[in-house]
């Protein structure tokens, strides 16, 4: 939404915050806490799946690239598509080149329709997908490796080896820290809530600049 700034007698674009973090870091918890302040959150991972399932142009592009088996009578054939890009960087790059622009356009349209003080783009691959170019500031949520593994085992019931493999394929906390405008460490919920409260105040202030 373009917001009218009476002081400047002009319109300004919605302020956008990009939030990322590896599996088990707690980025979704941070987004949930911000949502409790009335902030609109765009979950790009979930939206990508939704768009892949429901967008006819995206369906056609995926089938042309990976085969008609990408979809079956139940809709998107996730298992088949995953098998096509598993351990194949070139195929994964093709998939991303098809899906990411659609998600980017959907986020832009969504952000324009929101009325909260600012909006959040939540993405596990914020930097890998180039989504940092869609936002005004970025936040990386970090946590110690063992704590991330423990949380994910508790949440998903996955085995340790599978979780470690997923973490190995994600951007490291060191790189996230280097690339993000701000970082927070998620260890104790009480501290995290306090950090998010302060961040919310900062983002509200920045959105007015």
Protein backbone atom coordinates (compact mmCIF):
# COMPACT_ATOMS: atom_id res chain seq x y z
CA UNK A 1 0.00 0.00 0.00
CA UNK A 2 1.25 3.48 -0.83
CA UNK A 3 0.90 5.50 2.37
CA UNK A 4 0.27 9.24 2.25
CA UNK A 5 2.82 11.20 4.29
CA UNK A 6 1.15 14.44 5.29
CA UNK A 7 4.40 16.03 6.46
CA UNK A 8 6.03 15.46 3.08
CA UNK A 9 2.77 15.89 1.14
CA UNK A 10 3.61 12.76 -0.84
CA UNK A 11 3.16 9.01 -0.94
CA UNK A 12 5.69 6.45 0.25
CA UNK A 13 5.88 2.72 -0.26
CA UNK A 14 5.09 0.16 2.43
CA UNK A 15 8.16 -0.56 4.58
CA UNK A 16 9.26 -4.19 4.16
CA UNK A 17 11.28 -6.39 6.52
CA UNK A 18 12.89 -9.65 5.36
CA UNK A 19 13.35 -12.32 8.02
CA UNK A 20 15.37 -15.49 7.53
CA UNK A 21 17.11 -18.23 9.48
CA UNK A 22 18.05 -21.86 9.20
CA UNK A 23 15.94 -24.82 10.24
CA UNK A 24 15.24 -24.77 13.98
CA UNK A 25 16.46 -21.21 14.41
CA UNK A 26 13.06 -19.84 15.34
CA UNK A 27 12.43 -17.41 12.46
CA UNK A 28 8.79 -18.49 12.31
CA UNK A 29 8.47 -17.81 16.04
CA UNK A 30 9.84 -14.30 15.52
CA UNK A 31 7.32 -13.77 12.71
CA UNK A 32 4.49 -15.07 14.90
CA UNK A 33 5.46 -12.63 17.66
CA UNK A 34 5.49 -9.74 15.19
CA UNK A 35 2.10 -10.86 13.90
CA UNK A 36 0.80 -10.49 17.45
CA UNK A 37 1.60 -6.78 17.13
CA UNK A 38 -0.68 -6.67 14.11
CA UNK A 39 2.06 -6.92 11.50
CA UNK A 40 1.22 -8.68 8.24
CA UNK A 41 3.56 -11.60 7.49
CA UNK A 42 4.11 -13.20 4.08
CA UNK A 43 5.38 -16.79 4.44
CA UNK A 44 7.20 -17.19 1.13
CA UNK A 45 7.86 -20.91 1.63
CA UNK A 46 4.17 -21.71 2.11
CA UNK A 47 3.12 -19.29 -0.63
CA UNK A 48 5.54 -20.89 -3.09
CA UNK A 49 3.91 -24.27 -2.48
CA UNK A 50 0.45 -22.74 -2.82
CA UNK A 51 1.36 -21.01 -6.08
CA UNK A 52 2.94 -24.16 -7.49
CA UNK A 53 -0.27 -26.00 -6.71
CA UNK A 54 -2.73 -23.40 -8.01
CA UNK A 55 -1.08 -21.17 -10.61
CA UNK A 56 -1.84 -22.39 -14.13
CA UNK A 57 1.08 -20.51 -15.79
CA UNK A 58 3.43 -21.95 -13.17
CA UNK A 59 1.98 -25.41 -13.72
CA UNK A 60 2.61 -25.17 -17.44
CA UNK A 61 6.18 -23.94 -16.96
CA UNK A 62 7.00 -26.74 -14.52
CA UNK A 63 5.53 -29.40 -16.78
CA UNK A 64 7.41 -28.08 -19.79
CA UNK A 65 10.67 -28.19 -17.85
CA UNK A 66 10.32 -31.29 -15.69
CA UNK A 67 7.60 -33.33 -17.37
CA UNK A 68 3.85 -33.75 -17.06
CA UNK A 69 4.43 -36.02 -14.06
CA UNK A 70 4.93 -32.87 -11.95
CA UNK A 71 1.16 -33.00 -11.47
CA UNK A 72 -1.23 -35.88 -11.00
CA UNK A 73 -4.86 -36.36 -10.08
CA UNK A 74 -4.11 -35.03 -6.59
CA UNK A 75 -2.39 -31.87 -7.84
CA UNK A 76 1.29 -31.03 -7.46
CA UNK A 77 3.42 -34.19 -7.31
CA UNK A 78 5.94 -32.99 -4.74
CA UNK A 79 7.72 -36.33 -4.47
CA UNK A 80 8.34 -36.47 -8.22
CA UNK A 81 9.52 -32.87 -8.41
CA UNK A 82 11.80 -33.36 -5.40
CA UNK A 83 13.33 -36.42 -7.05
CA UNK A 84 14.10 -34.36 -10.17
CA UNK A 85 16.07 -31.69 -8.30
CA UNK A 86 17.59 -33.82 -5.52
CA UNK A 87 21.38 -33.59 -5.71
CA UNK A 88 21.08 -31.86 -9.11
CA UNK A 89 22.14 -28.22 -8.76
CA UNK A 90 21.34 -27.40 -12.37
CA UNK A 91 17.80 -28.76 -12.08
CA UNK A 92 17.29 -26.95 -8.77
CA UNK A 93 18.47 -23.71 -10.37
CA UNK A 94 15.92 -24.21 -13.16
CA UNK A 95 13.16 -24.82 -10.63
CA UNK A 96 14.10 -21.69 -8.70
CA UNK A 97 14.26 -19.60 -11.88
CA UNK A 98 10.65 -20.59 -12.58
CA UNK A 99 9.19 -20.31 -9.08
CA UNK A 100 11.02 -17.36 -7.51
CA UNK A 101 9.86 -14.67 -9.96
CA UNK A 102 6.25 -15.73 -9.42
CA UNK A 103 6.67 -15.57 -5.63
CA UNK A 104 8.38 -12.20 -5.94
CA UNK A 105 5.52 -10.76 -7.98
CA UNK A 106 2.95 -12.24 -5.60
CA UNK A 107 4.73 -10.69 -2.61
CA UNK A 108 4.80 -7.27 -4.26
CA UNK A 109 1.08 -7.38 -4.96
CA UNK A 110 0.36 -8.67 -1.45
CA UNK A 111 2.47 -5.96 0.21
CA UNK A 112 0.63 -3.25 -1.70
CA UNK A 113 -2.66 -4.47 -0.26
CA UNK A 114 -1.61 -4.43 3.41
CA UNK A 115 -2.29 -1.70 5.96
CA UNK A 116 -0.08 -2.64 8.94
CA UNK A 117 2.75 -0.35 10.05
CA UNK A 118 5.15 -2.46 7.97
CA UNK A 119 5.14 -5.94 6.45
CA UNK A 120 7.37 -8.97 6.87
CA UNK A 121 8.68 -11.32 4.19
CA UNK A 122 9.58 -14.61 5.88
CA UNK A 123 11.90 -16.82 3.83
CA UNK A 124 14.33 -19.61 4.64
CA UNK A 125 16.20 -18.70 1.44
CA UNK A 126 15.94 -14.93 1.59
CA UNK A 127 19.46 -14.32 0.29
CA UNK A 128 19.75 -17.40 -1.91
CA UNK A 129 16.59 -16.36 -3.80
CA UNK A 130 17.57 -12.70 -4.04
CA UNK A 131 14.50 -11.73 -2.01
CA UNK A 132 16.60 -9.29 0.02
CA UNK A 133 16.19 -6.97 -2.96
CA UNK A 134 12.45 -6.88 -2.29
CA UNK A 135 12.76 -5.52 1.25
CA UNK A 136 14.12 -2.45 3.01
CA UNK A 137 15.93 -4.26 5.81
CA UNK A 138 16.83 -7.83 6.76
CA UNK A 139 16.94 -9.82 9.98
CA UNK A 140 18.64 -13.18 10.53
CA UNK A 141 17.49 -15.37 13.42
CA UNK A 142 20.33 -17.53 14.72
CA UNK A 143 20.65 -20.29 17.32
CA UNK A 144 23.37 -22.76 18.40
CA UNK A 145 23.59 -25.83 16.18
CA UNK A 146 22.73 -28.38 18.87
CA UNK A 147 19.72 -26.35 19.94
CA UNK A 148 18.48 -26.17 16.34
CA UNK A 149 18.83 -29.94 15.98
CA UNK A 150 17.05 -30.55 19.28
CA UNK A 151 14.15 -28.28 18.34
CA UNK A 152 13.73 -29.85 14.92
CA UNK A 153 13.79 -33.41 16.27
CA UNK A 154 11.16 -32.40 18.83
CA UNK A 155 9.02 -30.61 16.24
CA UNK A 156 9.27 -32.88 13.20
CA UNK A 157 10.33 -36.22 14.62
CA UNK A 158 13.08 -36.40 12.00
CA UNK A 159 16.29 -38.26 12.67
CA UNK A 160 19.49 -36.38 13.43
CA UNK A 161 21.28 -37.36 10.21
CA UNK A 162 18.44 -36.00 8.06
CA UNK A 163 18.41 -32.72 9.97
CA UNK A 164 22.18 -32.34 9.73
CA UNK A 165 21.95 -32.93 5.97
CA UNK A 166 19.34 -30.17 5.64
CA UNK A 167 21.45 -27.78 7.72
CA UNK A 168 24.50 -28.54 5.56
CA UNK A 169 22.53 -27.42 2.49
CA UNK A 170 21.51 -24.13 4.08
CA UNK A 171 23.45 -20.90 4.42
CA UNK A 172 25.58 -20.97 7.58
CA UNK A 173 24.82 -18.76 10.56
CA UNK A 174 28.17 -17.04 9.99
CA UNK A 175 27.18 -16.03 6.48
CA UNK A 176 23.68 -15.02 7.54
CA UNK A 177 25.20 -12.83 10.25
CA UNK A 178 27.53 -11.23 7.71
CA UNK A 179 24.78 -10.52 5.16
CA UNK A 180 21.83 -9.49 7.31
CA UNK A 181 21.32 -5.92 8.50
CA UNK A 182 20.48 -7.21 11.97
CA UNK A 183 20.75 -10.54 13.76
CA UNK A 184 19.24 -11.94 16.93
CA UNK A 185 20.07 -15.15 18.78
CA UNK A 186 17.10 -17.24 19.85
CA UNK A 187 17.90 -19.15 23.04
CA UNK A 188 15.27 -18.33 25.66
CA UNK A 189 11.69 -17.34 24.83
CA UNK A 190 11.58 -14.58 27.43
CA UNK A 191 14.63 -12.93 25.89
CA UNK A 192 13.34 -13.47 22.38
CA UNK A 193 10.05 -11.77 23.21
CA UNK A 194 11.96 -8.78 24.55
CA UNK A 195 14.17 -8.65 21.45
CA UNK A 196 11.17 -8.80 19.15
CA UNK A 197 9.42 -6.04 21.09
CA UNK A 198 12.45 -3.80 20.56
CA UNK A 199 12.70 -4.74 16.90
CA UNK A 200 9.04 -3.93 16.39
CA UNK A 201 9.60 -0.44 17.84
CA UNK A 202 12.63 0.03 15.57
CA UNK A 203 10.76 -1.09 12.45
CA UNK A 204 7.81 1.16 13.28
CA UNK A 205 10.20 4.09 13.62
CA UNK A 206 12.06 3.23 10.42
CA UNK A 207 8.79 2.90 8.53
CA UNK A 208 8.08 6.55 9.27
CA UNK A 209 11.36 7.86 7.87
